[in-house]
């Protein structure tokens, strides 16, 4: 399965899945959602992310499980 918005590079952020090569990990986004924060809250914390990035993080986490 290919995830267009998720990148995994062993030389970047210790190989953790990141959003579009940025220093924002999938686990950071999913972790915030898991604590009850909304997608809008996450986007306010990371204004350079897009709503599609939040969805891609959830899709990636679901596929990785």
N, C-alpha and C. Protein backbone atom coordinates (compact mmCIF):
# COMPACT_ATOMS: atom_id res chain seq x y z
N UNK A 1 0.84 -1.18 0.00
CA UNK A 1 0.00 0.00 0.00
C UNK A 1 0.89 1.24 0.00
N UNK A 2 0.57 2.18 -0.83
CA UNK A 2 1.35 3.41 -0.95
C UNK A 2 0.59 4.57 -0.32
N UNK A 3 1.33 5.37 0.42
CA UNK A 3 0.75 6.53 1.07
C UNK A 3 1.45 7.77 0.53
N UNK A 4 0.74 8.52 -0.26
CA UNK A 4 1.30 9.68 -0.95
C UNK A 4 1.78 10.76 0.02
N UNK A 5 1.13 10.95 1.12
CA UNK A 5 1.46 12.02 2.06
C UNK A 5 2.35 11.58 3.21
N UNK A 6 2.69 10.30 3.27
CA UNK A 6 3.49 9.77 4.36
C UNK A 6 4.84 9.32 3.80
N UNK A 7 5.91 9.74 4.46
CA UNK A 7 7.25 9.34 4.03
C UNK A 7 7.95 8.63 5.18
N UNK A 8 8.76 7.64 4.80
CA UNK A 8 9.57 6.91 5.78
C UNK A 8 10.99 6.90 5.23
N UNK A 9 11.89 7.52 5.97
CA UNK A 9 13.29 7.62 5.56
C UNK A 9 14.15 7.35 6.78
N UNK A 10 14.97 6.30 6.76
CA UNK A 10 15.80 5.97 7.92
C UNK A 10 16.72 7.12 8.35
N UNK A 11 17.03 8.02 7.45
CA UNK A 11 17.92 9.14 7.78
C UNK A 11 17.15 10.36 8.30
N UNK A 12 15.85 10.25 8.40
CA UNK A 12 15.02 11.39 8.81
C UNK A 12 14.14 10.97 9.98
N UNK A 13 14.24 11.66 11.09
CA UNK A 13 13.42 11.41 12.28
C UNK A 13 13.51 9.94 12.73
N UNK A 14 14.69 9.36 12.58
CA UNK A 14 14.90 7.99 13.05
C UNK A 14 14.10 6.95 12.30
N UNK A 15 13.64 7.28 11.11
CA UNK A 15 12.88 6.34 10.31
C UNK A 15 11.40 6.27 10.64
N UNK A 16 10.95 7.14 11.53
CA UNK A 16 9.53 7.16 11.86
C UNK A 16 8.73 7.69 10.68
N UNK A 17 7.52 7.20 10.48
CA UNK A 17 6.68 7.73 9.40
C UNK A 17 6.36 9.20 9.67
N UNK A 18 6.61 10.04 8.68
CA UNK A 18 6.41 11.48 8.79
C UNK A 18 5.44 11.95 7.72
N UNK A 19 4.89 13.10 7.95
CA UNK A 19 3.96 13.69 6.98
C UNK A 19 4.74 14.53 5.99
N UNK A 20 4.66 14.12 4.74
CA UNK A 20 5.27 14.82 3.60
C UNK A 20 6.72 15.24 3.85
N UNK A 21 7.50 14.40 4.52
CA UNK A 21 8.92 14.68 4.73
C UNK A 21 9.19 15.75 5.78
N UNK A 22 8.16 16.22 6.45
CA UNK A 22 8.34 17.22 7.49
C UNK A 22 8.76 16.54 8.79
N UNK A 23 9.05 17.31 9.80
CA UNK A 23 9.42 16.77 11.09
C UNK A 23 8.18 16.59 11.99
N UNK A 24 7.10 16.21 11.37
CA UNK A 24 5.86 15.90 12.09
C UNK A 24 5.57 14.42 11.83
N UNK A 25 5.56 13.64 12.90
CA UNK A 25 5.36 12.21 12.73
C UNK A 25 3.87 11.85 12.73
N UNK A 26 3.61 10.72 12.11
CA UNK A 26 2.24 10.19 12.12
C UNK A 26 1.81 9.97 13.57
N UNK A 27 2.71 9.45 14.39
CA UNK A 27 2.35 9.17 15.78
C UNK A 27 2.02 10.44 16.56
N UNK A 28 2.65 11.55 16.23
CA UNK A 28 2.33 12.82 16.90
C UNK A 28 0.90 13.24 16.59
N UNK A 29 0.51 13.10 15.35
CA UNK A 29 -0.85 13.48 14.94
C UNK A 29 -1.88 12.52 15.52
N UNK A 30 -1.63 11.23 15.36
CA UNK A 30 -2.58 10.23 15.86
C UNK A 30 -2.66 10.30 17.39
N UNK A 31 -1.55 10.55 18.03
CA UNK A 31 -1.54 10.67 19.49
C UNK A 31 -2.42 11.80 19.97
N UNK A 32 -2.37 12.92 19.28
CA UNK A 32 -3.23 14.04 19.67
C UNK A 32 -4.70 13.70 19.47
N UNK A 33 -5.00 13.05 18.36
CA UNK A 33 -6.39 12.66 18.10
C UNK A 33 -6.87 11.66 19.15
N UNK A 34 -5.98 10.77 19.57
CA UNK A 34 -6.34 9.76 20.56
C UNK A 34 -6.66 10.36 21.93
N UNK A 35 -6.11 11.54 22.21
CA UNK A 35 -6.40 12.18 23.49
C UNK A 35 -7.69 13.00 23.45
N UNK A 36 -8.36 12.99 22.29
CA UNK A 36 -9.64 13.68 22.19
C UNK A 36 -9.58 15.01 21.48
N UNK A 37 -8.39 15.38 21.02
CA UNK A 37 -8.31 16.65 20.27
C UNK A 37 -8.91 16.43 18.89
N UNK A 38 -9.47 17.47 18.33
CA UNK A 38 -10.10 17.38 17.01
C UNK A 38 -9.05 17.62 15.93
N UNK A 39 -9.42 17.28 14.70
CA UNK A 39 -8.54 17.55 13.57
C UNK A 39 -8.26 19.04 13.47
N UNK A 40 -9.25 19.86 13.78
CA UNK A 40 -9.06 21.31 13.73
C UNK A 40 -8.05 21.77 14.78
N UNK A 41 -8.06 21.13 15.97
CA UNK A 41 -7.07 21.44 16.99
C UNK A 41 -5.66 21.12 16.51
N UNK A 42 -5.52 19.95 15.89
CA UNK A 42 -4.21 19.52 15.38
C UNK A 42 -3.73 20.51 14.31
N UNK A 43 -4.63 20.90 13.42
CA UNK A 43 -4.26 21.83 12.36
C UNK A 43 -3.89 23.21 12.93
N UNK A 44 -4.49 23.58 14.03
CA UNK A 44 -4.13 24.85 14.67
C UNK A 44 -2.72 24.76 15.26
N UNK A 45 -2.37 23.59 15.80
CA UNK A 45 -1.03 23.39 16.35
C UNK A 45 0.03 23.31 15.26
N UNK A 46 -0.34 22.76 14.12
CA UNK A 46 0.57 22.59 12.98
C UNK A 46 -0.04 23.27 11.75
N UNK A 47 0.05 24.59 11.66
CA UNK A 47 -0.65 25.30 10.59
C UNK A 47 -0.14 24.96 9.17
N UNK A 48 1.00 24.33 9.08
CA UNK A 48 1.55 23.96 7.77
C UNK A 48 1.02 22.61 7.30
N UNK A 49 0.22 21.94 8.14
CA UNK A 49 -0.42 20.70 7.72
C UNK A 49 -1.76 21.00 7.07
N UNK A 50 -2.24 20.04 6.33
CA UNK A 50 -3.54 20.14 5.69
C UNK A 50 -4.45 19.06 6.27
N UNK A 51 -5.73 19.25 6.12
CA UNK A 51 -6.69 18.26 6.63
C UNK A 51 -6.41 16.88 6.04
N UNK A 52 -6.02 16.83 4.78
CA UNK A 52 -5.70 15.55 4.13
C UNK A 52 -4.52 14.86 4.82
N UNK A 53 -3.61 15.62 5.42
CA UNK A 53 -2.49 15.03 6.16
C UNK A 53 -2.98 14.31 7.41
N UNK A 54 -3.96 14.89 8.07
CA UNK A 54 -4.53 14.26 9.27
C UNK A 54 -5.21 12.95 8.87
N UNK A 55 -5.97 12.98 7.80
CA UNK A 55 -6.63 11.76 7.33
C UNK A 55 -5.61 10.72 6.91
N UNK A 56 -4.55 11.13 6.23
CA UNK A 56 -3.51 10.20 5.80
C UNK A 56 -2.82 9.56 7.01
N UNK A 57 -2.65 10.32 8.07
CA UNK A 57 -2.05 9.78 9.29
C UNK A 57 -2.93 8.68 9.87
N UNK A 58 -4.23 8.93 9.91
CA UNK A 58 -5.15 7.90 10.41
C UNK A 58 -5.17 6.68 9.52
N UNK A 59 -5.16 6.88 8.23
CA UNK A 59 -5.14 5.75 7.30
C UNK A 59 -3.87 4.93 7.44
N UNK A 60 -2.73 5.61 7.59
CA UNK A 60 -1.46 4.92 7.74
C UNK A 60 -1.46 4.12 9.05
N UNK A 61 -1.89 4.73 10.12
CA UNK A 61 -1.91 4.06 11.42
C UNK A 61 -2.84 2.84 11.38
N UNK A 62 -3.95 2.96 10.70
CA UNK A 62 -4.88 1.83 10.58
C UNK A 62 -4.25 0.70 9.78
N UNK A 63 -3.58 1.03 8.70
CA UNK A 63 -2.95 0.01 7.85
C UNK A 63 -1.77 -0.64 8.57
N UNK A 64 -1.07 0.12 9.39
CA UNK A 64 0.10 -0.41 10.09
C UNK A 64 -0.30 -1.35 11.21
N UNK A 65 -1.52 -1.19 11.71
CA UNK A 65 -2.01 -2.03 12.80
C UNK A 65 -2.28 -3.41 12.27
